[in-house]
N, C-alpha and C. Protein backbone atom coordinates (compact mmCIF):
# COMPACT_ATOMS: atom_id res chain seq x y z
N UNK A 1 112.71 148.84 -51.50
CA UNK A 1 112.82 147.87 -52.58
C UNK A 1 112.98 148.57 -53.91
N UNK A 2 113.78 147.98 -54.78
CA UNK A 2 113.97 148.47 -56.14
C UNK A 2 113.63 147.33 -57.08
N UNK A 3 112.81 147.62 -58.05
CA UNK A 3 112.47 146.63 -59.07
C UNK A 3 113.19 146.99 -60.37
N UNK A 4 113.74 145.99 -61.01
CA UNK A 4 114.48 146.18 -62.26
C UNK A 4 113.84 145.33 -63.34
N UNK A 5 113.55 145.94 -64.48
CA UNK A 5 112.94 145.21 -65.59
C UNK A 5 113.75 145.46 -66.85
N UNK A 6 114.32 144.39 -67.37
CA UNK A 6 115.14 144.49 -68.58
C UNK A 6 114.28 144.29 -69.82
N UNK A 7 114.74 144.86 -70.92
CA UNK A 7 114.10 144.65 -72.22
C UNK A 7 115.13 144.88 -73.32
N UNK A 8 114.79 144.46 -74.52
CA UNK A 8 115.63 144.74 -75.66
C UNK A 8 116.43 143.57 -76.20
N UNK A 9 116.36 142.44 -75.54
CA UNK A 9 117.08 141.28 -76.03
C UNK A 9 116.47 140.74 -77.31
N UNK A 10 117.17 139.82 -77.94
CA UNK A 10 116.64 139.23 -79.15
C UNK A 10 117.67 138.40 -79.88
N UNK A 11 117.33 138.00 -81.08
CA UNK A 11 118.20 137.20 -81.93
C UNK A 11 118.75 138.09 -83.04
N UNK A 12 120.07 138.17 -83.13
CA UNK A 12 120.71 138.98 -84.16
C UNK A 12 121.85 138.20 -84.77
N UNK A 13 122.41 138.75 -85.83
CA UNK A 13 123.56 138.13 -86.47
C UNK A 13 124.85 138.80 -86.00
N UNK A 14 125.93 138.09 -86.14
CA UNK A 14 127.23 138.64 -85.77
C UNK A 14 127.47 139.95 -86.52
N UNK A 15 127.97 140.95 -85.79
CA UNK A 15 128.20 142.25 -86.37
C UNK A 15 127.06 143.24 -86.17
N UNK A 16 125.90 142.73 -85.78
CA UNK A 16 124.74 143.59 -85.55
C UNK A 16 124.85 144.31 -84.21
N UNK A 17 123.87 145.16 -83.96
CA UNK A 17 123.81 145.92 -82.71
C UNK A 17 122.47 145.67 -82.01
N UNK A 18 122.49 145.82 -80.70
CA UNK A 18 121.29 145.76 -79.89
C UNK A 18 121.43 146.77 -78.76
N UNK A 19 120.31 147.27 -78.29
CA UNK A 19 120.34 148.13 -77.10
C UNK A 19 119.42 147.53 -76.05
N UNK A 20 120.00 147.21 -74.93
CA UNK A 20 119.23 146.71 -73.80
C UNK A 20 118.84 147.88 -72.91
N UNK A 21 117.68 147.77 -72.31
CA UNK A 21 117.21 148.78 -71.36
C UNK A 21 116.88 148.11 -70.04
N UNK A 22 117.07 148.86 -68.98
CA UNK A 22 116.70 148.38 -67.65
C UNK A 22 115.97 149.52 -66.95
N UNK A 23 114.69 149.32 -66.74
CA UNK A 23 113.88 150.33 -66.07
C UNK A 23 113.83 150.02 -64.58
N UNK A 24 114.20 150.99 -63.79
CA UNK A 24 114.23 150.82 -62.33
C UNK A 24 113.08 151.58 -61.69
N UNK A 25 112.51 151.00 -60.70
CA UNK A 25 111.47 151.68 -59.94
C UNK A 25 111.67 151.37 -58.47
N UNK A 26 111.24 152.31 -57.66
CA UNK A 26 111.39 152.11 -56.24
C UNK A 26 112.17 153.23 -55.60
N UNK A 27 112.27 153.16 -54.31
CA UNK A 27 112.88 154.22 -53.53
C UNK A 27 114.35 154.41 -53.88
N UNK A 28 114.75 155.63 -54.16
CA UNK A 28 116.14 156.03 -54.38
C UNK A 28 116.80 155.37 -55.58
N UNK A 29 116.03 154.73 -56.45
CA UNK A 29 116.64 154.02 -57.56
C UNK A 29 117.39 154.94 -58.50
N UNK A 30 117.02 156.22 -58.55
CA UNK A 30 117.68 157.15 -59.47
C UNK A 30 119.14 157.36 -59.11
N UNK A 31 119.52 157.12 -57.87
CA UNK A 31 120.87 157.41 -57.41
C UNK A 31 121.73 156.17 -57.26
N UNK A 32 121.17 155.04 -57.54
CA UNK A 32 121.91 153.81 -57.38
C UNK A 32 122.92 153.62 -58.51
N UNK A 33 124.03 153.00 -58.19
CA UNK A 33 124.91 152.49 -59.22
C UNK A 33 124.19 151.33 -59.92
N UNK A 34 124.41 151.21 -61.21
CA UNK A 34 123.73 150.18 -61.98
C UNK A 34 124.76 149.41 -62.78
N UNK A 35 124.40 148.22 -63.13
CA UNK A 35 125.33 147.42 -63.91
C UNK A 35 124.62 146.36 -64.74
N UNK A 36 125.40 145.78 -65.64
CA UNK A 36 124.93 144.66 -66.45
C UNK A 36 125.87 143.48 -66.25
N UNK A 37 125.27 142.34 -66.12
CA UNK A 37 126.00 141.07 -66.05
C UNK A 37 125.40 140.15 -67.11
N UNK A 38 126.12 139.09 -67.41
CA UNK A 38 125.58 138.11 -68.34
C UNK A 38 125.98 136.71 -67.92
N UNK A 39 125.15 135.77 -68.33
CA UNK A 39 125.42 134.38 -68.04
C UNK A 39 125.11 133.55 -69.26
N UNK A 40 126.16 132.95 -69.81
CA UNK A 40 126.01 132.06 -70.95
C UNK A 40 125.69 130.66 -70.45
N UNK A 41 125.11 129.82 -71.32
CA UNK A 41 124.78 128.45 -70.90
C UNK A 41 125.98 127.72 -70.32
N UNK A 42 125.80 127.13 -69.17
CA UNK A 42 126.82 126.33 -68.49
C UNK A 42 128.03 127.14 -68.08
N UNK A 43 127.86 128.44 -67.95
CA UNK A 43 128.95 129.29 -67.49
C UNK A 43 128.48 130.13 -66.31
N UNK A 44 129.43 130.65 -65.56
CA UNK A 44 129.07 131.49 -64.42
C UNK A 44 128.69 132.89 -64.90
N UNK A 45 127.93 133.56 -64.07
CA UNK A 45 127.55 134.93 -64.38
C UNK A 45 128.79 135.80 -64.34
N UNK A 46 128.93 136.72 -65.31
CA UNK A 46 130.11 137.57 -65.37
C UNK A 46 129.72 139.03 -65.52
N UNK A 47 130.59 139.87 -65.01
CA UNK A 47 130.40 141.31 -65.09
C UNK A 47 130.57 141.78 -66.53
N UNK A 48 129.72 142.72 -66.95
CA UNK A 48 129.81 143.30 -68.29
C UNK A 48 130.15 144.78 -68.20
N UNK A 49 129.34 145.54 -67.48
CA UNK A 49 129.55 146.98 -67.40
C UNK A 49 128.83 147.53 -66.18
N UNK A 50 129.31 148.69 -65.71
CA UNK A 50 128.67 149.36 -64.57
C UNK A 50 128.77 150.86 -64.74
N UNK A 51 127.85 151.56 -64.09
CA UNK A 51 127.82 153.02 -64.18
C UNK A 51 127.43 153.58 -62.83
N UNK A 52 128.09 154.66 -62.44
CA UNK A 52 127.79 155.29 -61.16
C UNK A 52 126.46 156.03 -61.20
N UNK A 53 126.04 156.46 -60.02
CA UNK A 53 124.74 157.11 -59.90
C UNK A 53 124.60 158.38 -60.72
N UNK A 54 125.70 159.11 -60.86
CA UNK A 54 125.66 160.36 -61.62
C UNK A 54 125.83 160.13 -63.11
N UNK A 55 126.32 158.95 -63.47
CA UNK A 55 126.56 158.63 -64.88
C UNK A 55 127.95 158.96 -65.36
N UNK A 56 128.77 159.57 -64.53
CA UNK A 56 130.11 159.99 -64.97
C UNK A 56 131.13 158.85 -64.93
N UNK A 57 130.94 157.92 -64.04
CA UNK A 57 131.90 156.81 -63.91
C UNK A 57 131.34 155.58 -64.59
N UNK A 58 132.13 155.02 -65.48
CA UNK A 58 131.72 153.79 -66.16
C UNK A 58 132.86 152.78 -66.14
N UNK A 59 132.51 151.52 -66.13
CA UNK A 59 133.49 150.44 -66.07
C UNK A 59 133.02 149.33 -67.01
N UNK A 60 133.99 148.66 -67.63
CA UNK A 60 133.67 147.62 -68.59
C UNK A 60 134.56 146.41 -68.41
N UNK A 61 134.02 145.27 -68.73
CA UNK A 61 134.85 144.07 -68.83
C UNK A 61 135.71 144.21 -70.08
N UNK A 62 136.89 143.64 -70.03
CA UNK A 62 137.81 143.74 -71.17
C UNK A 62 137.19 143.15 -72.44
N UNK A 63 136.35 142.15 -72.28
CA UNK A 63 135.79 141.46 -73.44
C UNK A 63 134.79 142.32 -74.22
N UNK A 64 134.29 143.37 -73.61
CA UNK A 64 133.30 144.21 -74.29
C UNK A 64 133.78 145.64 -74.50
N UNK A 65 134.93 145.97 -73.94
CA UNK A 65 135.45 147.33 -74.04
C UNK A 65 135.61 147.73 -75.50
N UNK A 66 135.10 148.91 -75.85
CA UNK A 66 135.17 149.38 -77.23
C UNK A 66 134.00 148.97 -78.09
N UNK A 67 133.20 148.00 -77.60
CA UNK A 67 132.04 147.55 -78.37
C UNK A 67 130.73 147.90 -77.65
N UNK A 68 130.74 147.84 -76.32
CA UNK A 68 129.53 148.10 -75.53
C UNK A 68 129.66 149.45 -74.84
N UNK A 69 128.52 150.12 -74.68
CA UNK A 69 128.48 151.39 -73.96
C UNK A 69 127.32 151.38 -72.99
N UNK A 70 127.62 151.66 -71.73
CA UNK A 70 126.57 151.77 -70.73
C UNK A 70 126.26 153.24 -70.49
N UNK A 71 125.00 153.54 -70.33
CA UNK A 71 124.58 154.92 -70.08
C UNK A 71 123.31 154.90 -69.25
N UNK A 72 122.92 156.05 -68.76
CA UNK A 72 121.70 156.10 -67.96
C UNK A 72 120.98 157.42 -68.18
N UNK A 73 119.68 157.37 -68.00
CA UNK A 73 118.84 158.55 -68.04
C UNK A 73 118.11 158.58 -66.69
N UNK A 74 118.60 159.39 -65.78
CA UNK A 74 118.03 159.40 -64.44
C UNK A 74 116.62 159.97 -64.41
N UNK A 75 116.29 160.79 -65.38
CA UNK A 75 114.93 161.32 -65.45
C UNK A 75 113.94 160.20 -65.75
N UNK A 76 114.40 159.17 -66.44
CA UNK A 76 113.55 158.03 -66.79
C UNK A 76 113.83 156.82 -65.92
N UNK A 77 114.79 156.96 -64.99
CA UNK A 77 115.18 155.83 -64.14
C UNK A 77 115.52 154.60 -64.98
N UNK A 78 116.27 154.83 -66.04
CA UNK A 78 116.58 153.75 -66.98
C UNK A 78 118.07 153.74 -67.29
N UNK A 79 118.64 152.56 -67.32
CA UNK A 79 120.03 152.37 -67.75
C UNK A 79 120.01 151.57 -69.04
N UNK A 80 120.96 151.88 -69.91
CA UNK A 80 121.02 151.25 -71.22
C UNK A 80 122.36 150.54 -71.41
N UNK A 81 122.33 149.55 -72.26
CA UNK A 81 123.57 148.91 -72.69
C UNK A 81 123.51 148.82 -74.21
N UNK A 82 124.26 149.70 -74.86
CA UNK A 82 124.36 149.68 -76.31
C UNK A 82 125.43 148.68 -76.70
N UNK A 83 125.06 147.67 -77.45
CA UNK A 83 125.98 146.61 -77.82
C UNK A 83 126.18 146.64 -79.33
N UNK A 84 127.40 146.93 -79.74
CA UNK A 84 127.74 146.98 -81.16
C UNK A 84 128.71 145.85 -81.50
N UNK A 85 128.82 145.58 -82.78
CA UNK A 85 129.75 144.54 -83.27
C UNK A 85 129.59 143.25 -82.47
N UNK A 86 128.38 142.81 -82.34
CA UNK A 86 128.11 141.64 -81.53
C UNK A 86 128.76 140.39 -82.10
N UNK A 87 129.19 139.52 -81.20
CA UNK A 87 129.85 138.28 -81.56
C UNK A 87 129.05 137.10 -81.01
N UNK A 88 129.20 135.93 -81.60
CA UNK A 88 128.49 134.76 -81.06
C UNK A 88 128.78 134.53 -79.58
N UNK A 89 129.99 134.86 -79.15
CA UNK A 89 130.34 134.65 -77.73
C UNK A 89 129.66 135.65 -76.80
N UNK A 90 128.94 136.61 -77.36
CA UNK A 90 128.14 137.52 -76.52
C UNK A 90 126.78 136.91 -76.19
N UNK A 91 126.48 135.77 -76.77
CA UNK A 91 125.21 135.10 -76.49
C UNK A 91 125.11 134.75 -75.01
N UNK A 92 124.04 135.21 -74.37
CA UNK A 92 123.87 134.99 -72.93
C UNK A 92 122.56 135.60 -72.48
N UNK A 93 122.18 135.29 -71.26
CA UNK A 93 121.12 136.03 -70.58
C UNK A 93 121.79 137.24 -69.92
N UNK A 94 121.23 138.40 -70.15
CA UNK A 94 121.79 139.63 -69.62
C UNK A 94 120.92 140.12 -68.46
N UNK A 95 121.60 140.42 -67.36
CA UNK A 95 120.90 140.82 -66.14
C UNK A 95 121.30 142.23 -65.72
N UNK A 96 120.33 142.99 -65.32
CA UNK A 96 120.55 144.32 -64.77
C UNK A 96 120.73 144.19 -63.26
N UNK A 97 121.57 145.04 -62.70
CA UNK A 97 121.83 144.99 -61.27
C UNK A 97 121.91 146.41 -60.72
N UNK A 98 121.58 146.56 -59.46
CA UNK A 98 121.60 147.89 -58.83
C UNK A 98 122.04 147.79 -57.38
N UNK A 99 122.71 148.82 -56.94
CA UNK A 99 123.15 148.89 -55.56
C UNK A 99 123.60 150.30 -55.23
N UNK A 100 123.69 150.64 -53.96
CA UNK A 100 124.06 152.01 -53.58
C UNK A 100 125.52 152.36 -53.88
N UNK A 101 126.40 151.37 -54.02
CA UNK A 101 127.81 151.63 -54.22
C UNK A 101 128.30 150.98 -55.50
N UNK A 102 129.12 151.69 -56.27
CA UNK A 102 129.58 151.18 -57.56
C UNK A 102 130.46 149.94 -57.38
N UNK A 103 131.30 149.93 -56.32
CA UNK A 103 132.17 148.78 -56.14
C UNK A 103 131.37 147.53 -55.82
N UNK A 104 130.27 147.76 -55.15
CA UNK A 104 129.37 146.65 -54.79
C UNK A 104 128.77 146.03 -56.05
N UNK A 105 128.36 146.87 -56.98
CA UNK A 105 127.78 146.38 -58.22
C UNK A 105 128.87 145.70 -59.06
N UNK A 106 130.02 146.34 -59.19
CA UNK A 106 131.11 145.78 -60.00
C UNK A 106 131.57 144.42 -59.50
N UNK A 107 131.51 144.24 -58.20
CA UNK A 107 132.00 142.99 -57.62
C UNK A 107 130.98 141.86 -57.73
N UNK A 108 129.79 142.17 -58.23
CA UNK A 108 128.79 141.13 -58.39
C UNK A 108 127.93 140.91 -57.17
N UNK A 109 127.93 141.91 -56.27
CA UNK A 109 127.12 141.78 -55.06
C UNK A 109 126.14 142.94 -54.93
N UNK A 110 125.34 143.19 -55.95
CA UNK A 110 124.37 144.28 -55.86
C UNK A 110 123.24 143.92 -54.92
N UNK A 111 122.48 144.90 -54.57
CA UNK A 111 121.31 144.64 -53.72
C UNK A 111 120.15 144.07 -54.52
N UNK A 112 120.10 144.40 -55.80
CA UNK A 112 118.95 144.02 -56.61
C UNK A 112 119.37 143.48 -57.97
N UNK A 113 118.59 142.52 -58.45
CA UNK A 113 118.79 141.94 -59.78
C UNK A 113 117.49 141.98 -60.55
N UNK A 114 117.61 142.13 -61.86
CA UNK A 114 116.45 141.97 -62.71
C UNK A 114 116.28 140.51 -63.08
N UNK A 115 115.27 140.24 -63.87
CA UNK A 115 114.94 138.87 -64.26
C UNK A 115 115.73 138.40 -65.48
N UNK A 116 116.31 139.34 -66.21
CA UNK A 116 117.15 138.97 -67.34
C UNK A 116 116.44 139.09 -68.68
N UNK A 117 117.24 139.29 -69.71
CA UNK A 117 116.75 139.30 -71.08
C UNK A 117 117.76 138.54 -71.93
N UNK A 118 117.26 137.76 -72.86
CA UNK A 118 118.13 136.86 -73.61
C UNK A 118 118.65 137.53 -74.88
N UNK A 119 119.92 137.34 -75.12
CA UNK A 119 120.57 137.81 -76.34
C UNK A 119 121.20 136.62 -77.04
N UNK A 120 120.83 136.42 -78.28
CA UNK A 120 121.39 135.34 -79.09
C UNK A 120 122.04 135.93 -80.33
N UNK A 121 123.31 135.64 -80.53
CA UNK A 121 124.05 136.16 -81.67
C UNK A 121 124.46 134.97 -82.53
N UNK A 122 123.94 134.94 -83.73
CA UNK A 122 124.28 133.84 -84.63
C UNK A 122 125.46 134.21 -85.51
N UNK A 123 126.22 133.20 -85.89
CA UNK A 123 127.42 133.45 -86.71
C UNK A 123 127.09 133.45 -88.19
């Protein structure tokens, strides 16, 4: 089992930055591919970003490319999502995800999900 705990959400203004963290614990969590998804009110959950177990491979949704950066610190078993130039349309619950394969995480079928952290961006 892998447990994922997100933190760092909050209320910010458009143009501000936030950094989300996802702390993973459990067997082999250091080597899992990790990702972030988000779900806005009355919308389906969507992929935001993913990172491979080594940290060298990263993937982004077109809507966040150039503004968001995913990274990981395997010594701390933590993945981060640095969000810059935030827009009101980034408002959503953000979920951390983990799985043994990067394609599995990118496709929205990870083995594990966190409970989510809320991000609200006001205009």
